[in-house]
PDB file of N, CA and C in Angstrom:
ATOM      1  N   MET A   1      79.054  89.429 119.805  1.00  0.00           N
ATOM      2  CA  MET A   1      79.963  88.610 119.025  1.00  0.00           C
ATOM      3  C   MET A   1      81.397  89.037 119.310  1.00  0.00           C
ATOM      4  N   ASN A   2      82.279  88.068 119.486  1.00  0.00           N
ATOM      5  CA  ASN A   2      83.673  88.336 119.801  1.00  0.00           C
ATOM      6  C   ASN A   2      84.510  88.280 118.526  1.00  0.00           C
ATOM      7  N   ASN A   3      85.250  89.334 118.256  1.00  0.00           N
ATOM      8  CA  ASN A   3      86.147  89.374 117.104  1.00  0.00           C
ATOM      9  C   ASN A   3      87.498  88.798 117.501  1.00  0.00           C
ATOM     10  N   ASN A   4      88.030  87.881 116.700  1.00  0.00           N
ATOM     11  CA  ASN A   4      89.371  87.343 116.905  1.00  0.00           C
ATOM     12  C   ASN A   4      90.307  87.985 115.897  1.00  0.00           C
ATOM     13  N   ILE A   5      91.332  88.652 116.404  1.00  0.00           N
ATOM     14  CA  ILE A   5      92.325  89.305 115.553  1.00  0.00           C
ATOM     15  C   ILE A   5      93.669  88.637 115.828  1.00  0.00           C
ATOM     16  N   ILE A   6      94.276  88.064 114.785  1.00  0.00           N
ATOM     17  CA  ILE A   6      95.540  87.340 114.937  1.00  0.00           C
ATOM     18  C   ILE A   6      96.671  88.158 114.327  1.00  0.00           C
ATOM     19  N   PHE A   7      97.743  88.302 115.115  1.00  0.00           N
ATOM     20  CA  PHE A   7      98.960  88.940 114.638  1.00  0.00           C
ATOM     21  C   PHE A   7     100.025  87.858 114.541  1.00  0.00           C
ATOM     22  N   ASP A   8     100.429  87.536 113.304  1.00  0.00           N
ATOM     23  CA  ASP A   8     101.428  86.503 113.049  1.00  0.00           C
ATOM     24  C   ASP A   8     102.797  87.173 113.022  1.00  0.00           C
ATOM     25  N   PHE A   9     103.593  86.917 114.054  1.00  0.00           N
ATOM     26  CA  PHE A   9     104.875  87.590 114.177  1.00  0.00           C
ATOM     27  C   PHE A   9     105.938  87.025 113.242  1.00  0.00           C
ATOM     28  N   CYS A  10     105.592  86.044 112.430  1.00  0.00           N
ATOM     29  CA  CYS A  10     106.474  85.650 111.325  1.00  0.00           C
ATOM     30  C   CYS A  10     106.474  86.753 110.267  1.00  0.00           C
ATOM     31  N   GLN A  11     105.429  87.588 110.280  1.00  0.00           N
ATOM     32  CA  GLN A  11     105.285  88.654 109.290  1.00  0.00           C
ATOM     33  C   GLN A  11     105.470  90.046 109.895  1.00  0.00           C
ATOM     34  N   ILE A  12     105.897  90.113 111.146  1.00  0.00           N
ATOM     35  CA  ILE A  12     106.096  91.403 111.814  1.00  0.00           C
ATOM     36  C   ILE A  12     107.561  91.489 112.232  1.00  0.00           C
ATOM     37  N   ARG A  13     108.267  92.456 111.651  1.00  0.00           N
ATOM     38  CA  ARG A  13     109.697  92.590 111.918  1.00  0.00           C
ATOM     39  C   ARG A  13     110.012  93.571 113.035  1.00  0.00           C
ATOM     40  N   ASP A  14     109.194  94.622 113.140  1.00  0.00           N
ATOM     41  CA  ASP A  14     109.522  95.684 114.088  1.00  0.00           C
ATOM     42  C   ASP A  14     108.244  96.359 114.577  1.00  0.00           C
ATOM     43  N   LEU A  15     108.401  97.351 115.437  1.00  0.00           N
ATOM     44  CA  LEU A  15     107.245  98.036 116.013  1.00  0.00           C
ATOM     45  C   LEU A  15     106.381  98.689 114.947  1.00  0.00           C
ATOM     46  N   GLU A  16     107.002  99.288 113.964  1.00  0.00           N
ATOM     47  CA  GLU A  16     106.234  99.953 112.906  1.00  0.00           C
ATOM     48  C   GLU A  16     105.363  98.949 112.152  1.00  0.00           C
ATOM     49  N   ASP A  17     105.906  97.760 111.868  1.00  0.00           N
ATOM     50  CA  ASP A  17     105.102  96.702 111.233  1.00  0.00           C
ATOM     51  C   ASP A  17     103.895  96.359 112.100  1.00  0.00           C
ATOM     52  N   PHE A  18     104.123  96.220 113.408  1.00  0.00           N
ATOM     53  CA  PHE A  18     103.014  95.877 114.300  1.00  0.00           C
ATOM     54  C   PHE A  18     101.942  96.960 114.267  1.00  0.00           C
ATOM     55  N   TYR A  19     102.353  98.216 114.449  1.00  0.00           N
ATOM     56  CA  TYR A  19     101.364  99.299 114.495  1.00  0.00           C
ATOM     57  C   TYR A  19     100.610  99.432 113.170  1.00  0.00           C
ATOM     58  N   CYS A  20     101.292  99.227 112.053  1.00  0.00           N
ATOM     59  CA  CYS A  20     100.613  99.282 110.746  1.00  0.00           C
ATOM     60  C   CYS A  20      99.582  98.160 110.632  1.00  0.00           C
ATOM     61  N   GLN A  21      99.957  96.952 111.063  1.00  0.00           N
ATOM     62  CA  GLN A  21      98.999  95.841 111.010  1.00  0.00           C
ATOM     63  C   GLN A  21      97.833  96.071 111.961  1.00  0.00           C
ATOM     64  N   PHE A  22      98.116  96.604 113.160  1.00  0.00           N
ATOM     65  CA  PHE A  22      97.051  96.891 114.119  1.00  0.00           C
ATOM     66  C   PHE A  22      96.063  97.883 113.512  1.00  0.00           C
ATOM     67  N   GLN A  23      96.592  98.928 112.911  1.00  0.00           N
ATOM     68  CA  GLN A  23      95.744  99.952 112.293  1.00  0.00           C
ATOM     69  C   GLN A  23      94.908  99.351 111.167  1.00  0.00           C
ATOM     70  N   GLN A  24      95.527  98.527 110.338  1.00  0.00           N
ATOM     71  CA  GLN A  24      94.827  97.929 109.200  1.00  0.00           C
ATOM     72  C   GLN A  24      93.784  96.900 109.646  1.00  0.00           C
ATOM     73  N   LYS A  25      94.172  95.978 110.519  1.00  0.00           N
ATOM     74  CA  LYS A  25      93.269  94.896 110.923  1.00  0.00           C
ATOM     75  C   LYS A  25      92.045  95.407 111.674  1.00  0.00           C
ATOM     76  N   LEU A  26      92.204  96.530 112.387  1.00  0.00           N
ATOM     77  CA  LEU A  26      91.085  97.064 113.155  1.00  0.00           C
ATOM     78  C   LEU A  26      90.421  98.247 112.464  1.00  0.00           C
ATOM     79  N   SER A  27      90.828  98.519 111.223  1.00  0.00           N
ATOM     80  CA  SER A  27      90.250  99.617 110.430  1.00  0.00           C
ATOM     81  C   SER A  27      90.251 100.935 111.209  1.00  0.00           C
ATOM     82  N   LEU A  28      91.415 101.263 111.759  1.00  0.00           N
ATOM     83  CA  LEU A  28      91.542 102.485 112.550  1.00  0.00           C
ATOM     84  C   LEU A  28      91.739 103.693 111.645  1.00  0.00           C
ATOM     85  N   PRO A  29      91.405 104.870 112.133  1.00  0.00           N
ATOM     86  CA  PRO A  29      91.541 106.087 111.324  1.00  0.00           C
ATOM     87  C   PRO A  29      93.006 106.430 111.050  1.00  0.00           C
ATOM     88  N   SER A  30      93.217 107.251 110.046  1.00  0.00           N
ATOM     89  CA  SER A  30      94.579 107.627 109.641  1.00  0.00           C
ATOM     90  C   SER A  30      95.320 108.385 110.733  1.00  0.00           C
ATOM     91  N   TRP A  31      94.592 109.003 111.654  1.00  0.00           N
ATOM     92  CA  TRP A  31      95.245 109.767 112.717  1.00  0.00           C
ATOM     93  C   TRP A  31      95.728 108.901 113.881  1.00  0.00           C
ATOM     94  N   PHE A  32      95.533 107.577 113.795  1.00  0.00           N
ATOM     95  CA  PHE A  32      96.028 106.683 114.850  1.00  0.00           C
ATOM     96  C   PHE A  32      97.538 106.839 114.985  1.00  0.00           C
ATOM     97  N   GLY A  33      97.997 107.160 116.183  1.00  0.00           N
ATOM     98  CA  GLY A  33      99.432 107.297 116.437  1.00  0.00           C
ATOM     99  C   GLY A  33     100.065 105.940 116.666  1.00  0.00           C
ATOM    100  N   HIS A  34     101.235 105.758 116.163  1.00  0.00           N
ATOM    101  CA  HIS A  34     101.929 104.480 116.294  1.00  0.00           C
ATOM    102  C   HIS A  34     102.784 104.498 117.555  1.00  0.00           C
ATOM    103  N   ASN A  35     102.112 104.436 118.717  1.00  0.00           N
ATOM    104  CA  ASN A  35     102.808 104.447 119.998  1.00  0.00           C
ATOM    105  C   ASN A  35     101.926 103.789 121.056  1.00  0.00           C
ATOM    106  N   LEU A  36     102.503 103.555 122.234  1.00  0.00           N
ATOM    107  CA  LEU A  36     101.780 102.853 123.295  1.00  0.00           C
ATOM    108  C   LEU A  36     100.559 103.616 123.787  1.00  0.00           C
ATOM    109  N   ASP A  37     100.669 104.938 123.908  1.00  0.00           N
ATOM    110  CA  ASP A  37      99.527 105.731 124.378  1.00  0.00           C
ATOM    111  C   ASP A  37      98.340 105.609 123.424  1.00  0.00           C
ATOM    112  N   ALA A  38      98.615 105.714 122.137  1.00  0.00           N
ATOM    113  CA  ALA A  38      97.542 105.602 121.143  1.00  0.00           C
ATOM    114  C   ALA A  38      96.956 104.189 121.138  1.00  0.00           C
ATOM    115  N   LEU A  39      97.815 103.195 121.295  1.00  0.00           N
ATOM    116  CA  LEU A  39      97.353 101.807 121.346  1.00  0.00           C
ATOM    117  C   LEU A  39      96.407 101.616 122.534  1.00  0.00           C
ATOM    118  N   TRP A  40      96.783 102.133 123.691  1.00  0.00           N
ATOM    119  CA  TRP A  40      95.936 102.035 124.883  1.00  0.00           C
ATOM    120  C   TRP A  40      94.602 102.745 124.654  1.00  0.00           C
ATOM    121  N   ASP A  41      94.660 103.943 124.082  1.00  0.00           N
ATOM    122  CA  ASP A  41      93.427 104.702 123.831  1.00  0.00           C
ATOM    123  C   ASP A  41      92.471 103.927 122.928  1.00  0.00           C
ATOM    124  N   MET A  42      93.008 103.277 121.904  1.00  0.00           N
ATOM    125  CA  MET A  42      92.162 102.519 120.983  1.00  0.00           C
ATOM    126  C   MET A  42      91.540 101.315 121.677  1.00  0.00           C
ATOM    127  N   ILE A  43      92.350 100.577 122.423  1.00  0.00           N
ATOM    128  CA  ILE A  43      91.849  99.364 123.073  1.00  0.00           C
ATOM    129  C   ILE A  43      90.853  99.703 124.174  1.00  0.00           C
ATOM    130  N   SER A  44      91.134 100.745 124.931  1.00  0.00           N
ATOM    131  CA  SER A  44      90.310 101.032 126.108  1.00  0.00           C
ATOM    132  C   SER A  44      89.082 101.884 125.814  1.00  0.00           C
ATOM    133  N   GLY A  45      88.962 102.399 124.564  1.00  0.00           N
ATOM    134  CA  GLY A  45      87.794 103.230 124.352  1.00  0.00           C
ATOM    135  C   GLY A  45      87.312 103.408 122.934  1.00  0.00           C
ATOM    136  N   GLU A  46      88.106 103.056 121.958  1.00  0.00           N
ATOM    137  CA  GLU A  46      87.738 103.355 120.572  1.00  0.00           C
ATOM    138  C   GLU A  46      87.283 102.140 119.769  1.00  0.00           C
ATOM    139  N   ILE A  47      87.834 100.967 120.070  1.00  0.00           N
ATOM    140  CA  ILE A  47      87.487  99.796 119.264  1.00  0.00           C
ATOM    141  C   ILE A  47      86.249  99.109 119.829  1.00  0.00           C
ATOM    142  N   GLU A  48      85.574  98.363 118.961  1.00  0.00           N
ATOM    143  CA  GLU A  48      84.368  97.647 119.369  1.00  0.00           C
ATOM    144  C   GLU A  48      84.752  96.380 120.127  1.00  0.00           C
ATOM    145  N   LEU A  49      84.219  96.245 121.315  1.00  0.00           N
ATOM    146  CA  LEU A  49      84.461  95.079 122.144  1.00  0.00           C
ATOM    147  C   LEU A  49      83.178  94.267 122.222  1.00  0.00           C
ATOM    148  N   PRO A  50      83.226  92.979 122.503  1.00  0.00           N
ATOM    149  CA  PRO A  50      84.388  92.213 122.928  1.00  0.00           C
ATOM    150  C   PRO A  50      85.310  91.856 121.763  1.00  0.00           C
ATOM    151  N   MET A  51      86.570  91.597 122.133  1.00  0.00           N
ATOM    152  CA  MET A  51      87.583  91.275 121.136  1.00  0.00           C
ATOM    153  C   MET A  51      88.639  90.382 121.769  1.00  0.00           C
ATOM    154  N   THR A  52      89.163  89.471 120.959  1.00  0.00           N
ATOM    155  CA  THR A  52      90.306  88.655 121.357  1.00  0.00           C
ATOM    156  C   THR A  52      91.452  88.975 120.414  1.00  0.00           C
ATOM    157  N   ILE A  53      92.598  89.318 120.993  1.00  0.00           N
ATOM    158  CA  ILE A  53      93.811  89.570 120.212  1.00  0.00           C
ATOM    159  C   ILE A  53      94.765  88.419 120.486  1.00  0.00           C
ATOM    160  N   ILE A  54      95.275  87.826 119.418  1.00  0.00           N
ATOM    161  CA  ILE A  54      96.182  86.686 119.529  1.00  0.00           C
ATOM    162  C   ILE A  54      97.508  87.056 118.879  1.00  0.00           C
ATOM    163  N   PHE A  55      98.589  86.921 119.646  1.00  0.00           N
ATOM    164  CA  PHE A  55      99.941  87.078 119.110  1.00  0.00           C
ATOM    165  C   PHE A  55     100.476  85.668 118.885  1.00  0.00           C
ATOM    166  N   SER A  56     100.783  85.327 117.638  1.00  0.00           N
ATOM    167  CA  SER A  56     101.294  83.983 117.352  1.00  0.00           C
ATOM    168  C   SER A  56     102.704  84.047 116.772  1.00  0.00           C
ATOM    169  N   HIS A  57     103.433  82.972 116.997  1.00  0.00           N
ATOM    170  CA  HIS A  57     104.777  82.765 116.445  1.00  0.00           C
ATOM    171  C   HIS A  57     105.800  83.799 116.915  1.00  0.00           C
ATOM    172  N   LEU A  58     105.737  84.207 118.172  1.00  0.00           N
ATOM    173  CA  LEU A  58     106.745  85.132 118.693  1.00  0.00           C
ATOM    174  C   LEU A  58     108.008  84.369 119.058  1.00  0.00           C
ATOM    175  N   SER A  59     109.124  84.793 118.513  1.00  0.00           N
ATOM    176  CA  SER A  59     110.403  84.227 118.920  1.00  0.00           C
ATOM    177  C   SER A  59     110.772  84.816 120.283  1.00  0.00           C
ATOM    178  N   LEU A  60     111.778  84.254 120.918  1.00  0.00           N
ATOM    179  CA  LEU A  60     112.243  84.782 122.203  1.00  0.00           C
ATOM    180  C   LEU A  60     112.697  86.232 122.042  1.00  0.00           C
ATOM    181  N   ALA A  61     113.407  86.512 120.963  1.00  0.00           N
ATOM    182  CA  ALA A  61     113.860  87.888 120.706  1.00  0.00           C
ATOM    183  C   ALA A  61     112.670  88.830 120.546  1.00  0.00           C
ATOM    184  N   GLN A  62     111.629  88.390 119.855  1.00  0.00           N
ATOM    185  CA  GLN A  62     110.440  89.228 119.674  1.00  0.00           C
ATOM    186  C   GLN A  62     109.686  89.425 120.984  1.00  0.00           C
ATOM    187  N   GLN A  63     109.698  88.424 121.856  1.00  0.00           N
ATOM    188  CA  GLN A  63     109.052  88.596 123.159  1.00  0.00           C
ATOM    189  C   GLN A  63     109.696  89.751 123.916  1.00  0.00           C
ATOM    190  N   HIS A  64     111.003  89.900 123.786  1.00  0.00           N
ATOM    191  CA  HIS A  64     111.708  91.020 124.416  1.00  0.00           C
ATOM    192  C   HIS A  64     111.453  92.316 123.649  1.00  0.00           C
ATOM    193  N   GLN A  65     111.522  92.246 122.329  1.00  0.00           N
ATOM    194  CA  GLN A  65     111.334  93.431 121.485  1.00  0.00           C
ATOM    195  C   GLN A  65     109.948  94.049 121.678  1.00  0.00           C
ATOM    196  N   PHE A  66     108.935  93.226 121.855  1.00  0.00           N
ATOM    197  CA  PHE A  66     107.554  93.694 121.967  1.00  0.00           C
ATOM    198  C   PHE A  66     107.029  93.618 123.404  1.00  0.00           C
ATOM    199  N   ALA A  67     107.931  93.565 124.382  1.00  0.00           N
ATOM    200  CA  ALA A  67     107.544  93.386 125.787  1.00  0.00           C
ATOM    201  C   ALA A  67     106.584  94.468 126.274  1.00  0.00           C
ATOM    202  N   GLU A  68     106.798  95.719 125.889  1.00  0.00           N
ATOM    203  CA  GLU A  68     105.906  96.792 126.353  1.00  0.00           C
ATOM    204  C   GLU A  68     104.498  96.632 125.783  1.00  0.00           C
ATOM    205  N   ILE A  69     104.403  96.196 124.538  1.00  0.00           N
ATOM    206  CA  ILE A  69     103.087  95.970 123.931  1.00  0.00           C
ATOM    207  C   ILE A  69     102.407  94.773 124.595  1.00  0.00           C
ATOM    208  N   ILE A  70     103.162  93.717 124.862  1.00  0.00           N
ATOM    209  CA  ILE A  70     102.608  92.544 125.548  1.00  0.00           C
ATOM    210  C   ILE A  70     102.092  92.946 126.930  1.00  0.00           C
ATOM    211  N   ASP A  71     102.878  93.749 127.653  1.00  0.00           N
ATOM    212  CA  ASP A  71     102.444  94.227 128.976  1.00  0.00           C
ATOM    213  C   ASP A  71     101.160  95.039 128.871  1.00  0.00           C
ATOM    214  N   LEU A  72     101.079  95.909 127.863  1.00  0.00           N
ATOM    215  CA  LEU A  72      99.881  96.729 127.666  1.00  0.00           C
ATOM    216  C   LEU A  72      98.665  95.844 127.385  1.00  0.00           C
ATOM    217  N   MET A  73      98.842  94.830 126.545  1.00  0.00           N
ATOM    218  CA  MET A  73      97.733  93.922 126.228  1.00  0.00           C
ATOM    219  C   MET A  73      97.260  93.182 127.480  1.00  0.00           C
ATOM    220  N   ASN A  74      98.201  92.727 128.304  1.00  0.00           N
ATOM    221  CA  ASN A  74      97.835  92.049 129.552  1.00  0.00           C
ATOM    222  C   ASN A  74      97.100  92.990 130.497  1.00  0.00           C
ATOM    223  N   GLU A  75      97.560  94.230 130.583  1.00  0.00           N
ATOM    224  CA  GLU A  75      96.899  95.220 131.431  1.00  0.00           C
ATOM    225  C   GLU A  75      95.478  95.504 130.936  1.00  0.00           C
ATOM    226  N   ALA A  76      95.321  95.615 129.619  1.00  0.00           N
ATOM    227  CA  ALA A  76      93.989  95.847 129.045  1.00  0.00           C
ATOM    228  C   ALA A  76      93.064  94.679 129.361  1.00  0.00           C
ATOM    229  N   GLU A  77      93.584  93.464 129.259  1.00  0.00           N
ATOM    230  CA  GLU A  77      92.762  92.289 129.572  1.00  0.00           C
ATOM    231  C   GLU A  77      92.286  92.339 131.025  1.00  0.00           C
ATOM    232  N   ASP A  78      93.182  92.704 131.936  1.00  0.00           N
ATOM    233  CA  ASP A  78      92.808  92.808 133.354  1.00  0.00           C
ATOM    234  C   ASP A  78      91.763  93.895 133.573  1.00  0.00           C
ATOM    235  N   GLU A  79      91.978  95.037 132.948  1.00  0.00           N
ATOM    236  CA  GLU A  79      91.112  96.185 133.194  1.00  0.00           C
ATOM    237  C   GLU A  79      89.737  96.067 132.528  1.00  0.00           C
ATOM    238  N   LEU A  80      89.684  95.428 131.381  1.00  0.00           N
ATOM    239  CA  LEU A  80      88.428  95.362 130.626  1.00  0.00           C
ATOM    240  C   LEU A  80      87.597  94.118 130.957  1.00  0.00           C
ATOM    241  N   GLU A  81      88.043  93.331 131.898  1.00  0.00           N
ATOM    242  CA  GLU A  81      87.276  92.256 132.529  1.00  0.00           C
ATOM    243  C   GLU A  81      86.388  91.439 131.591  1.00  0.00           C
ATOM    244  N   GLY A  82      87.017  90.665 130.724  1.00  0.00           N
ATOM    245  CA  GLY A  82      86.260  89.752 129.878  1.00  0.00           C
ATOM    246  C   GLY A  82      85.816  90.319 128.546  1.00  0.00           C
ATOM    247  N   ARG A  83      85.861  91.634 128.394  1.00  0.00           N
ATOM    248  CA  ARG A  83      85.484  92.229 127.105  1.00  0.00           C
ATOM    249  C   ARG A  83      86.666  92.257 126.143  1.00  0.00           C
ATOM    250  N   PHE A  84      87.887  92.111 126.687  1.00  0.00           N
ATOM    251  CA  PHE A  84      89.101  92.089 125.878  1.00  0.00           C
ATOM    252  C   PHE A  84      89.946  90.920 126.365  1.00  0.00           C
ATOM    253  N   ILE A  85      90.283  90.025 125.442  1.00  0.00           N
ATOM    254  CA  ILE A  85      91.087  88.852 125.781  1.00  0.00           C
ATOM    255  C   ILE A  85      92.364  88.907 124.962  1.00  0.00           C
ATOM    256  N   PHE A  86      93.484  88.640 125.637  1.00  0.00           N
ATOM    257  CA  PHE A  86      94.783  88.630 124.978  1.00  0.00           C
ATOM    258  C   PHE A  86      95.407  87.254 125.148  1.00  0.00           C
ATOM    259  N   LEU A  87      95.780  86.634 124.027  1.00  0.00           N
ATOM    260  CA  LEU A  87      96.414  85.318 124.042  1.00  0.00           C
ATOM    261  C   LEU A  87      97.786  85.413 123.395  1.00  0.00           C
ATOM    262  N   LEU A  88      98.752  84.826 124.057  1.00  0.00           N
ATOM    263  CA  LEU A  88     100.130  84.820 123.572  1.00  0.00           C
ATOM    264  C   LEU A  88     100.472  83.383 123.208  1.00  0.00           C
ATOM    265  N   ASP A  89     100.605  83.118 121.919  1.00  0.00           N
ATOM    266  CA  ASP A  89     100.886  81.777 121.409  1.00  0.00           C
ATOM    267  C   ASP A  89     102.372  81.688 121.101  1.00  0.00           C
ATOM    268  N   ILE A  90     103.123  81.126 122.051  1.00  0.00           N
ATOM    269  CA  ILE A  90     104.576  81.039 121.903  1.00  0.00           C
ATOM    270  C   ILE A  90     104.928  79.630 121.439  1.00  0.00           C
ATOM    271  N   PRO A  91     105.687  79.525 120.332  1.00  0.00           N
ATOM    272  CA  PRO A  91     106.050  78.191 119.842  1.00  0.00           C
ATOM    273  C   PRO A  91     106.972  77.475 120.827  1.00  0.00           C
ATOM    274  N   GLU A  92     106.801  76.176 120.925  1.00  0.00           N
ATOM    275  CA  GLU A  92     107.684  75.385 121.780  1.00  0.00           C
ATOM    276  C   GLU A  92     109.038  75.262 121.113  1.00  0.00           C
ATOM    277  N   SER A  93     110.084  75.270 121.957  1.00  0.00           N
ATOM    278  CA  SER A  93     111.434  75.172 121.378  1.00  0.00           C
ATOM    279  C   SER A  93     111.884  73.755 121.207  1.00  0.00           C
TER     280      SER A  93
END
């Protein structure tokens, strides 16, 4: 079964908001570090797959602000070959 996890960027202001939501939505342990290395470790080995992560309502500014996380999600999708899917839902201008 594939889990769909949606991150609504209308409700995410900064990196800390994102990491807190990621930790909460995936029921991660309290020791989860709020950084790219910890995010990669969770996606590539700790969370139950298959999973689809959807980023919705990203503004242009947020696409730049969260560019490293977006890159990491794309890399995970490539590396995990169908067990992890990343969708970026960008509103039309």
